[in-house]
Amino acid sequence: LAMVGSADFWSEAIGGQVNVVLQPRQVGSTIKPFVYLAAMERGLTAGSLLMDVPRAFPDGANDYYRPTNNDNRFWGPMSLRTALATSRNVPAVETLVDTGVEALLEVAERVGITIRSPYYGAALALGAGESTLLEMTAAYGTLANGGYRVTPRTIVAIYDPQGRTIVAP
């Protein structure tokens, strides 16, 4: 609901003018709903069957990407709904590879995510790309808002009921 800046914007001792909410960071699994959204727009459903099994995905000329899960286990066949709810990595990568990176990038752009990455490949499904917390938060707001995107707004000053400035830059 709110983003609060540093304790002292003008303090060099604490790096007060660095707003980490606006700094690109790897997004991790927070990108998975958008991977699945891209796939669902192209025909998959929440009940579509995905496989959480050991896989090797082509990754360059003679290399393969072999994602694992955080529990180092594979759960076998599962629905897209279960794969998303349990944040399984292999089904997310499989879905991105089948759907295409361009489909994810198109969905991301529509919801306000700018993915910054030197590599647009299968690892993008697990958050290898970078975005800002503000963009990701706004994108989740778009999901919660039935697909209607609302641009985040910043407050530059706060006034009391009499119109006196309480906080201003």
C-alpha atoms as a PDB file:
ATOM      1  CA  LEU A   1       0.000   0.000   0.000  1.00  0.00           C
ATOM      2  CA  ALA A   2       2.847   2.388   0.666  1.00  0.00           C
ATOM      3  CA  MET A   3       6.531   2.854  -0.042  1.00  0.00           C
ATOM      4  CA  VAL A   4       8.519   4.724   2.542  1.00  0.00           C
ATOM      5  CA  GLY A   5      11.898   6.211   1.652  1.00  0.00           C
ATOM      6  CA  SER A   6      15.002   6.241   3.776  1.00  0.00           C
ATOM      7  CA  ALA A   7      15.106   7.626   7.314  1.00  0.00           C
ATOM      8  CA  ASP A   8      17.105  10.620   6.090  1.00  0.00           C
ATOM      9  CA  PHE A   9      17.183  11.365   2.371  1.00  0.00           C
ATOM     10  CA  TRP A  10      20.062  13.808   2.800  1.00  0.00           C
ATOM     11  CA  SER A  11      22.308  11.525   4.887  1.00  0.00           C
ATOM     12  CA  GLU A  12      25.381  10.306   3.032  1.00  0.00           C
ATOM     13  CA  ALA A  13      26.280   8.114   6.039  1.00  0.00           C
ATOM     14  CA  ILE A  14      23.307   5.821   5.414  1.00  0.00           C
ATOM     15  CA  GLY A  15      23.100   6.254   1.639  1.00  0.00           C
ATOM     16  CA  GLY A  16      19.826   8.085   2.109  1.00  0.00           C
ATOM     17  CA  GLN A  17      19.335   8.866  -1.566  1.00  0.00           C
ATOM     18  CA  VAL A  18      19.444   5.222  -2.629  1.00  0.00           C
ATOM     19  CA  ASN A  19      15.938   3.872  -2.955  1.00  0.00           C
ATOM     20  CA  VAL A  20      16.215   0.087  -3.187  1.00  0.00           C
ATOM     21  CA  VAL A  21      12.609  -0.134  -4.347  1.00  0.00           C
ATOM     22  CA  LEU A  22      13.783   1.454  -7.602  1.00  0.00           C
ATOM     23  CA  GLN A  23      16.984  -0.589  -7.993  1.00  0.00           C
ATOM     24  CA  PRO A  24      16.923  -3.583 -10.363  1.00  0.00           C
ATOM     25  CA  ARG A  25      17.216  -6.931  -8.584  1.00  0.00           C
ATOM     26  CA  GLN A  26      16.699 -10.521  -9.682  1.00  0.00           C
ATOM     27  CA  VAL A  27      13.001 -11.233  -9.322  1.00  0.00           C
ATOM     28  CA  GLY A  28      13.244 -14.913  -8.436  1.00  0.00           C
ATOM     29  CA  SER A  29      10.031 -16.896  -8.347  1.00  0.00           C
ATOM     30  CA  THR A  30       7.880 -13.767  -8.334  1.00  0.00           C
ATOM     31  CA  ILE A  31       7.983 -13.969 -12.149  1.00  0.00           C
ATOM     32  CA  LYS A  32       6.279 -17.392 -12.254  1.00  0.00           C
ATOM     33  CA  PRO A  33       2.667 -16.104 -12.274  1.00  0.00           C
ATOM     34  CA  PHE A  34       3.516 -14.125 -15.407  1.00  0.00           C
ATOM     35  CA  VAL A  35       5.124 -17.175 -17.048  1.00  0.00           C
ATOM     36  CA  TYR A  36       1.897 -19.073 -16.444  1.00  0.00           C
ATOM     37  CA  LEU A  37      -0.262 -16.128 -17.507  1.00  0.00           C
ATOM     38  CA  ALA A  38       1.553 -16.050 -20.865  1.00  0.00           C
ATOM     39  CA  ALA A  39       0.939 -19.792 -21.244  1.00  0.00           C
ATOM     40  CA  MET A  40      -2.723 -19.511 -20.284  1.00  0.00           C
ATOM     41  CA  GLU A  41      -3.233 -16.770 -22.851  1.00  0.00           C
ATOM     42  CA  ARG A  42      -1.963 -19.282 -25.389  1.00  0.00           C
ATOM     43  CA  GLY A  43      -4.212 -22.178 -24.408  1.00  0.00           C
ATOM     44  CA  LEU A  44      -3.082 -23.750 -21.149  1.00  0.00           C
ATOM     45  CA  THR A  45      -5.516 -23.821 -18.243  1.00  0.00           C
ATOM     46  CA  ALA A  46      -5.127 -24.043 -14.485  1.00  0.00           C
ATOM     47  CA  GLY A  47      -5.786 -27.774 -14.872  1.00  0.00           C
ATOM     48  CA  SER A  48      -3.233 -28.377 -17.629  1.00  0.00           C
ATOM     49  CA  LEU A  49      -0.827 -31.203 -16.851  1.00  0.00           C
ATOM     50  CA  LEU A  50       2.817 -30.288 -16.321  1.00  0.00           C
ATOM     51  CA  MET A  51       5.708 -32.556 -15.417  1.00  0.00           C
ATOM     52  CA  ASP A  52       8.016 -31.997 -12.476  1.00  0.00           C
ATOM     53  CA  VAL A  53      10.702 -34.472 -13.534  1.00  0.00           C
ATOM     54  CA  PRO A  54      14.443 -34.175 -14.215  1.00  0.00           C
ATOM     55  CA  ARG A  55      14.858 -32.374 -17.545  1.00  0.00           C
ATOM     56  CA  ALA A  56      17.665 -30.914 -19.601  1.00  0.00           C
ATOM     57  CA  PHE A  57      16.688 -27.873 -21.666  1.00  0.00           C
ATOM     58  CA  PRO A  58      18.900 -26.711 -24.552  1.00  0.00           C
ATOM     59  CA  ASP A  59      20.898 -23.683 -23.454  1.00  0.00           C
ATOM     60  CA  GLY A  60      23.245 -22.555 -26.173  1.00  0.00           C
ATOM     61  CA  ALA A  61      25.201 -24.489 -28.761  1.00  0.00           C
ATOM     62  CA  ASN A  62      26.414 -27.453 -26.707  1.00  0.00           C
ATOM     63  CA  ASP A  63      25.068 -26.746 -23.251  1.00  0.00           C
ATOM     64  CA  TYR A  64      21.975 -27.741 -21.295  1.00  0.00           C
ATOM     65  CA  TYR A  65      20.105 -26.116 -18.427  1.00  0.00           C
ATOM     66  CA  ARG A  66      19.039 -28.602 -15.723  1.00  0.00           C
ATOM     67  CA  PRO A  67      16.808 -26.848 -13.199  1.00  0.00           C
ATOM     68  CA  THR A  68      16.166 -28.367  -9.802  1.00  0.00           C
ATOM     69  CA  ASN A  69      13.630 -27.606  -7.115  1.00  0.00           C
ATOM     70  CA  ASN A  70      14.358 -26.042  -3.734  1.00  0.00           C
ATOM     71  CA  ASP A  71      13.712 -29.372  -1.985  1.00  0.00           C
ATOM     72  CA  ASN A  72      15.920 -31.280  -4.481  1.00  0.00           C
ATOM     73  CA  ARG A  73      12.964 -33.559  -5.255  1.00  0.00           C
ATOM     74  CA  PHE A  74      10.701 -34.047  -8.251  1.00  0.00           C
ATOM     75  CA  TRP A  75       6.990 -34.516  -7.695  1.00  0.00           C
ATOM     76  CA  GLY A  76       5.997 -35.926 -11.095  1.00  0.00           C
ATOM     77  CA  PRO A  77       2.813 -34.942 -12.937  1.00  0.00           C
ATOM     78  CA  MET A  78       0.863 -31.979 -11.560  1.00  0.00           C
ATOM     79  CA  SER A  79      -1.567 -29.333 -12.683  1.00  0.00           C
ATOM     80  CA  LEU A  80      -0.427 -25.848 -13.622  1.00  0.00           C
ATOM     81  CA  ARG A  81      -2.366 -24.642 -10.574  1.00  0.00           C
ATOM     82  CA  THR A  82      -0.336 -26.915  -8.262  1.00  0.00           C
ATOM     83  CA  ALA A  83       2.959 -26.037  -9.962  1.00  0.00           C
ATOM     84  CA  LEU A  84       2.287 -22.340  -9.379  1.00  0.00           C
ATOM     85  CA  ALA A  85       0.947 -22.784  -5.839  1.00  0.00           C
ATOM     86  CA  THR A  86       3.986 -24.833  -4.814  1.00  0.00           C
ATOM     87  CA  SER A  87       6.474 -22.781  -6.869  1.00  0.00           C
ATOM     88  CA  ARG A  88       7.995 -25.810  -8.605  1.00  0.00           C
ATOM     89  CA  ASN A  89      10.907 -24.810 -10.818  1.00  0.00           C
ATOM     90  CA  VAL A  90      10.980 -27.498 -13.498  1.00  0.00           C
ATOM     91  CA  PRO A  91       7.347 -27.003 -14.616  1.00  0.00           C
ATOM     92  CA  ALA A  92       7.919 -23.233 -14.781  1.00  0.00           C
ATOM     93  CA  VAL A  93      10.964 -23.668 -17.017  1.00  0.00           C
ATOM     94  CA  GLU A  94       9.134 -26.245 -19.148  1.00  0.00           C
ATOM     95  CA  THR A  95       6.215 -23.834 -19.527  1.00  0.00           C
ATOM     96  CA  LEU A  96       8.464 -20.934 -20.525  1.00  0.00           C
ATOM     97  CA  VAL A  97      10.380 -23.066 -23.038  1.00  0.00           C
ATOM     98  CA  ASP A  98       7.110 -24.311 -24.574  1.00  0.00           C
ATOM     99  CA  THR A  99       5.417 -20.889 -24.559  1.00  0.00           C
ATOM    100  CA  GLY A 100       8.443 -18.848 -25.547  1.00  0.00           C
ATOM    101  CA  VAL A 101      10.435 -16.085 -23.930  1.00  0.00           C
ATOM    102  CA  GLU A 102       8.818 -13.515 -26.235  1.00  0.00           C
ATOM    103  CA  ALA A 103       5.392 -14.405 -24.818  1.00  0.00           C
ATOM    104  CA  LEU A 104       6.640 -13.746 -21.284  1.00  0.00           C
ATOM    105  CA  LEU A 105       8.290 -10.479 -22.291  1.00  0.00           C
ATOM    106  CA  GLU A 106       5.045  -9.338 -23.950  1.00  0.00           C
ATOM    107  CA  VAL A 107       2.975 -10.118 -20.835  1.00  0.00           C
ATOM    108  CA  ALA A 108       5.600  -8.480 -18.617  1.00  0.00           C
ATOM    109  CA  GLU A 109       5.519  -5.309 -20.694  1.00  0.00           C
ATOM    110  CA  ARG A 110       1.709  -5.168 -20.542  1.00  0.00           C
ATOM    111  CA  VAL A 111       1.675  -5.345 -16.741  1.00  0.00           C
ATOM    112  CA  GLY A 112       4.509  -2.840 -16.379  1.00  0.00           C
ATOM    113  CA  ILE A 113       7.519  -5.072 -15.796  1.00  0.00           C
ATOM    114  CA  THR A 114      10.748  -4.199 -17.575  1.00  0.00           C
ATOM    115  CA  ILE A 115      12.947  -7.285 -17.444  1.00  0.00           C
ATOM    116  CA  ARG A 116      16.593  -6.296 -17.472  1.00  0.00           C
ATOM    117  CA  SER A 117      18.789  -9.252 -18.330  1.00  0.00           C
ATOM    118  CA  PRO A 118      21.770  -9.918 -20.519  1.00  0.00           C
ATOM    119  CA  TYR A 119      20.341 -13.410 -21.112  1.00  0.00           C
ATOM    120  CA  TYR A 120      16.785 -14.145 -22.153  1.00  0.00           C
ATOM    121  CA  GLY A 121      16.537 -17.894 -21.847  1.00  0.00           C
ATOM    122  CA  ALA A 122      15.010 -20.681 -19.808  1.00  0.00           C
ATOM    123  CA  ALA A 123      16.411 -19.379 -16.499  1.00  0.00           C
ATOM    124  CA  LEU A 124      14.156 -16.343 -16.924  1.00  0.00           C
ATOM    125  CA  ALA A 125      11.309 -18.557 -15.620  1.00  0.00           C
ATOM    126  CA  LEU A 126      13.122 -18.730 -12.280  1.00  0.00           C
ATOM    127  CA  GLY A 127      13.781 -15.028 -12.047  1.00  0.00           C
ATOM    128  CA  ALA A 128      17.224 -14.686 -13.628  1.00  0.00           C
ATOM    129  CA  GLY A 129      16.124 -11.369 -15.114  1.00  0.00           C
ATOM    130  CA  GLU A 130      16.073  -8.169 -13.123  1.00  0.00           C
ATOM    131  CA  SER A 131      13.276  -5.730 -12.417  1.00  0.00           C
ATOM    132  CA  THR A 132      12.452  -3.292  -9.655  1.00  0.00           C
ATOM    133  CA  LEU A 133      10.347  -4.007  -6.602  1.00  0.00           C
ATOM    134  CA  LEU A 134       8.072  -1.123  -7.594  1.00  0.00           C
ATOM    135  CA  GLU A 135       7.430  -2.661 -11.026  1.00  0.00           C
ATOM    136  CA  MET A 136       6.828  -6.126  -9.588  1.00  0.00           C
ATOM    137  CA  THR A 137       4.471  -4.781  -6.927  1.00  0.00           C
ATOM    138  CA  ALA A 138       2.505  -2.816  -9.512  1.00  0.00           C
ATOM    139  CA  ALA A 139       2.335  -5.908 -11.746  1.00  0.00           C
ATOM    140  CA  TYR A 140       0.895  -7.998  -8.912  1.00  0.00           C
ATOM    141  CA  GLY A 141      -1.590  -5.172  -8.379  1.00  0.00           C
ATOM    142  CA  THR A 142      -2.608  -5.615 -12.013  1.00  0.00           C
ATOM    143  CA  LEU A 143      -3.318  -9.301 -11.366  1.00  0.00           C
ATOM    144  CA  ALA A 144      -5.327  -8.465  -8.245  1.00  0.00           C
ATOM    145  CA  ASN A 145      -7.181  -5.756 -10.163  1.00  0.00           C
ATOM    146  CA  GLY A 146      -8.546  -8.125 -12.808  1.00  0.00           C
ATOM    147  CA  GLY A 147      -5.972  -7.106 -15.406  1.00  0.00           C
ATOM    148  CA  TYR A 148      -6.467  -3.356 -15.061  1.00  0.00           C
ATOM    149  CA  ARG A 149      -3.086  -1.684 -14.615  1.00  0.00           C
ATOM    150  CA  VAL A 150      -2.786   1.297 -12.308  1.00  0.00           C
ATOM    151  CA  THR A 151       0.433   3.285 -12.497  1.00  0.00           C
ATOM    152  CA  PRO A 152       2.024   3.733  -9.060  1.00  0.00           C
ATOM    153  CA  ARG A 153       2.093   7.300  -7.792  1.00  0.00           C
ATOM    154  CA  THR A 154       4.483   8.917  -5.397  1.00  0.00           C
ATOM    155  CA  ILE A 155       3.640  11.384  -2.676  1.00  0.00           C
ATOM    156  CA  VAL A 156       5.962  14.345  -2.698  1.00  0.00           C
ATOM    157  CA  ALA A 157       4.508  16.165   0.308  1.00  0.00           C
ATOM    158  CA  ILE A 158       2.155  15.616   3.240  1.00  0.00           C
ATOM    159  CA  TYR A 159      -0.092  18.383   4.579  1.00  0.00           C
ATOM    160  CA  ASP A 160      -2.035  18.676   7.808  1.00  0.00           C
ATOM    161  CA  PRO A 161      -5.767  19.575   7.814  1.00  0.00           C
ATOM    162  CA  GLN A 162      -4.893  23.266   7.873  1.00  0.00           C
ATOM    163  CA  GLY A 163      -2.778  22.948   4.711  1.00  0.00           C
ATOM    164  CA  ARG A 164       0.565  23.301   6.432  1.00  0.00           C
ATOM    165  CA  THR A 165       3.374  21.172   5.044  1.00  0.00           C
ATOM    166  CA  ILE A 166       4.326  18.332   7.374  1.00  0.00           C
ATOM    167  CA  VAL A 167       6.822  16.578   5.095  1.00  0.00           C
ATOM    168  CA  ALA A 168       8.342  17.841   1.852  1.00  0.00           C
ATOM    169  CA  PRO A 169      11.606  17.178   0.037  1.00  0.00           C
END
